[in-house]
């Protein structure tokens, strides 16, 4: 497939791939949590919703509860989060840079 050939990519395609990756990561990783938080903030007046975020050296955790019942609970280690956010874009940049020819001029097709 030529679409995934880094030799044909310009910097624009590389940056767009990073943005697409981060958008998918946000939707997949935070989608269920965002839905639980939305529901917790729209509890009828007779109920209570609670959102708790804890940040420490060993984990970042989020707990969402409605009427004392946990509806969402998730945690991630800060290093794992950093690798998820920066790892694949960095690997794509390294692969892209490795396939570029030295001294290659940047030419934009108009």
C-alpha atoms as a PDB file:
ATOM      1  CA  UNK A   1       0.000   0.000   0.000  1.00  0.00           C
ATOM      2  CA  UNK A   2       1.486   3.284  -1.046  1.00  0.00           C
ATOM      3  CA  UNK A   3      -0.527   5.299   1.506  1.00  0.00           C
ATOM      4  CA  UNK A   4       1.613   3.941   4.339  1.00  0.00           C
ATOM      5  CA  UNK A   5       4.911   4.360   2.502  1.00  0.00           C
ATOM      6  CA  UNK A   6       6.865   6.900   4.513  1.00  0.00           C
ATOM      7  CA  UNK A   7       8.985   7.703   1.444  1.00  0.00           C
ATOM      8  CA  UNK A   8       5.991   9.435  -0.156  1.00  0.00           C
ATOM      9  CA  UNK A   9       4.931  11.318   2.975  1.00  0.00           C
ATOM     10  CA  UNK A  10       5.663  14.980   3.425  1.00  0.00           C
ATOM     11  CA  UNK A  11       5.723  16.653   6.831  1.00  0.00           C
ATOM     12  CA  UNK A  12       2.019  17.476   6.428  1.00  0.00           C
ATOM     13  CA  UNK A  13       1.022  13.801   6.240  1.00  0.00           C
ATOM     14  CA  UNK A  14       3.201  13.012   9.236  1.00  0.00           C
ATOM     15  CA  UNK A  15       1.541  15.737  11.342  1.00  0.00           C
ATOM     16  CA  UNK A  16      -1.926  14.667  10.193  1.00  0.00           C
ATOM     17  CA  UNK A  17      -1.168  11.095  11.219  1.00  0.00           C
ATOM     18  CA  UNK A  18      -0.191  12.340  14.689  1.00  0.00           C
ATOM     19  CA  UNK A  19      -3.425  14.322  15.028  1.00  0.00           C
ATOM     20  CA  UNK A  20      -5.507  11.343  13.873  1.00  0.00           C
ATOM     21  CA  UNK A  21      -3.723   9.077  16.375  1.00  0.00           C
ATOM     22  CA  UNK A  22      -4.296  11.499  19.249  1.00  0.00           C
ATOM     23  CA  UNK A  23      -7.980  11.919  18.350  1.00  0.00           C
ATOM     24  CA  UNK A  24      -8.504   8.147  18.313  1.00  0.00           C
ATOM     25  CA  UNK A  25      -6.610   7.856  21.603  1.00  0.00           C
ATOM     26  CA  UNK A  26      -8.798  10.522  23.223  1.00  0.00           C
ATOM     27  CA  UNK A  27     -12.065   9.017  21.982  1.00  0.00           C
ATOM     28  CA  UNK A  28     -11.124   5.435  22.865  1.00  0.00           C
ATOM     29  CA  UNK A  29      -9.435   6.235  26.158  1.00  0.00           C
ATOM     30  CA  UNK A  30     -11.643   8.970  27.532  1.00  0.00           C
ATOM     31  CA  UNK A  31     -14.956   8.242  25.799  1.00  0.00           C
ATOM     32  CA  UNK A  32     -16.390   5.918  28.463  1.00  0.00           C
ATOM     33  CA  UNK A  33     -15.128   8.203  31.254  1.00  0.00           C
ATOM     34  CA  UNK A  34     -16.629  11.304  29.606  1.00  0.00           C
ATOM     35  CA  UNK A  35     -19.993   9.559  29.263  1.00  0.00           C
ATOM     36  CA  UNK A  36     -19.945   8.527  32.942  1.00  0.00           C
ATOM     37  CA  UNK A  37     -18.991  12.067  34.013  1.00  0.00           C
ATOM     38  CA  UNK A  38     -21.757  13.547  31.871  1.00  0.00           C
ATOM     39  CA  UNK A  39     -24.302  11.239  33.509  1.00  0.00           C
ATOM     40  CA  UNK A  40     -22.979  12.018  37.006  1.00  0.00           C
ATOM     41  CA  UNK A  41     -23.381  15.759  36.458  1.00  0.00           C
ATOM     42  CA  UNK A  42     -26.981  15.356  35.299  1.00  0.00           C
ATOM     43  CA  UNK A  43     -28.327  13.397  38.255  1.00  0.00           C
ATOM     44  CA  UNK A  44     -31.861  14.424  39.301  1.00  0.00           C
ATOM     45  CA  UNK A  45     -32.021  16.652  42.378  1.00  0.00           C
ATOM     46  CA  UNK A  46     -32.832  13.679  44.629  1.00  0.00           C
ATOM     47  CA  UNK A  47     -29.517  11.946  43.804  1.00  0.00           C
ATOM     48  CA  UNK A  48     -25.820  12.740  44.064  1.00  0.00           C
ATOM     49  CA  UNK A  49     -23.042  12.428  41.542  1.00  0.00           C
ATOM     50  CA  UNK A  50     -19.369  12.378  42.457  1.00  0.00           C
ATOM     51  CA  UNK A  51     -16.240  12.675  40.284  1.00  0.00           C
ATOM     52  CA  UNK A  52     -12.864  12.032  41.891  1.00  0.00           C
ATOM     53  CA  UNK A  53      -9.474  12.456  40.171  1.00  0.00           C
ATOM     54  CA  UNK A  54      -6.321  11.412  41.998  1.00  0.00           C
ATOM     55  CA  UNK A  55      -2.817  12.098  40.711  1.00  0.00           C
ATOM     56  CA  UNK A  56       0.192  10.488  42.331  1.00  0.00           C
ATOM     57  CA  UNK A  57       3.612   9.089  41.537  1.00  0.00           C
ATOM     58  CA  UNK A  58       2.259   5.618  40.854  1.00  0.00           C
ATOM     59  CA  UNK A  59      -1.072   6.278  39.122  1.00  0.00           C
ATOM     60  CA  UNK A  60      -3.558   8.755  37.758  1.00  0.00           C
ATOM     61  CA  UNK A  61      -7.025   7.515  38.635  1.00  0.00           C
ATOM     62  CA  UNK A  62     -10.590   8.597  37.950  1.00  0.00           C
ATOM     63  CA  UNK A  63     -13.632   7.357  39.859  1.00  0.00           C
ATOM     64  CA  UNK A  64     -17.164   8.388  38.935  1.00  0.00           C
ATOM     65  CA  UNK A  65     -20.101   7.428  41.148  1.00  0.00           C
ATOM     66  CA  UNK A  66     -23.825   8.112  41.121  1.00  0.00           C
ATOM     67  CA  UNK A  67     -25.879   7.687  44.307  1.00  0.00           C
ATOM     68  CA  UNK A  68     -22.955   5.935  45.998  1.00  0.00           C
ATOM     69  CA  UNK A  69     -22.549   3.351  43.190  1.00  0.00           C
ATOM     70  CA  UNK A  70     -19.345   3.444  41.109  1.00  0.00           C
ATOM     71  CA  UNK A  71     -20.212   3.827  37.436  1.00  0.00           C
ATOM     72  CA  UNK A  72     -16.660   4.243  36.127  1.00  0.00           C
ATOM     73  CA  UNK A  73     -13.241   3.531  37.563  1.00  0.00           C
ATOM     74  CA  UNK A  74      -9.972   3.746  35.678  1.00  0.00           C
ATOM     75  CA  UNK A  75      -6.310   4.352  36.325  1.00  0.00           C
ATOM     76  CA  UNK A  76      -3.060   4.524  34.413  1.00  0.00           C
ATOM     77  CA  UNK A  77       0.588   4.825  35.378  1.00  0.00           C
ATOM     78  CA  UNK A  78       2.126   8.173  34.315  1.00  0.00           C
ATOM     79  CA  UNK A  79       4.875   6.447  32.327  1.00  0.00           C
ATOM     80  CA  UNK A  80       2.320   4.316  30.470  1.00  0.00           C
ATOM     81  CA  UNK A  81       0.341   7.474  29.679  1.00  0.00           C
ATOM     82  CA  UNK A  82       3.458   9.232  28.403  1.00  0.00           C
ATOM     83  CA  UNK A  83       4.309   6.246  26.189  1.00  0.00           C
ATOM     84  CA  UNK A  84       0.768   6.114  24.811  1.00  0.00           C
ATOM     85  CA  UNK A  85       0.781   9.809  24.006  1.00  0.00           C
ATOM     86  CA  UNK A  86       4.316  10.172  22.632  1.00  0.00           C
ATOM     87  CA  UNK A  87       5.482   6.664  21.654  1.00  0.00           C
ATOM     88  CA  UNK A  88       3.696   5.992  18.341  1.00  0.00           C
ATOM     89  CA  UNK A  89       4.125   9.551  16.973  1.00  0.00           C
ATOM     90  CA  UNK A  90       7.820   9.412  17.858  1.00  0.00           C
ATOM     91  CA  UNK A  91       8.169   6.013  16.170  1.00  0.00           C
ATOM     92  CA  UNK A  92       6.389   7.358  13.058  1.00  0.00           C
ATOM     93  CA  UNK A  93       8.730  10.357  12.974  1.00  0.00           C
ATOM     94  CA  UNK A  94      11.800   8.102  13.284  1.00  0.00           C
ATOM     95  CA  UNK A  95      10.548   5.850  10.457  1.00  0.00           C
ATOM     96  CA  UNK A  96       9.715   8.889   8.330  1.00  0.00           C
ATOM     97  CA  UNK A  97      13.110  10.523   8.970  1.00  0.00           C
ATOM     98  CA  UNK A  98      14.950   7.267   8.247  1.00  0.00           C
ATOM     99  CA  UNK A  99      13.341   6.969   4.801  1.00  0.00           C
ATOM    100  CA  UNK A 100      14.224  10.535   3.774  1.00  0.00           C
ATOM    101  CA  UNK A 101      17.254  10.986   1.553  1.00  0.00           C
ATOM    102  CA  UNK A 102      20.044  13.154   2.919  1.00  0.00           C
ATOM    103  CA  UNK A 103      20.022  16.621   1.458  1.00  0.00           C
ATOM    104  CA  UNK A 104      16.635  16.071  -0.115  1.00  0.00           C
ATOM    105  CA  UNK A 105      15.037  19.353  -0.966  1.00  0.00           C
ATOM    106  CA  UNK A 106      11.552  20.008   0.282  1.00  0.00           C
ATOM    107  CA  UNK A 107       9.291  20.457  -2.733  1.00  0.00           C
ATOM    108  CA  UNK A 108       5.655  21.353  -2.448  1.00  0.00           C
ATOM    109  CA  UNK A 109       3.348  20.414  -5.294  1.00  0.00           C
ATOM    110  CA  UNK A 110       1.017  23.295  -6.062  1.00  0.00           C
END
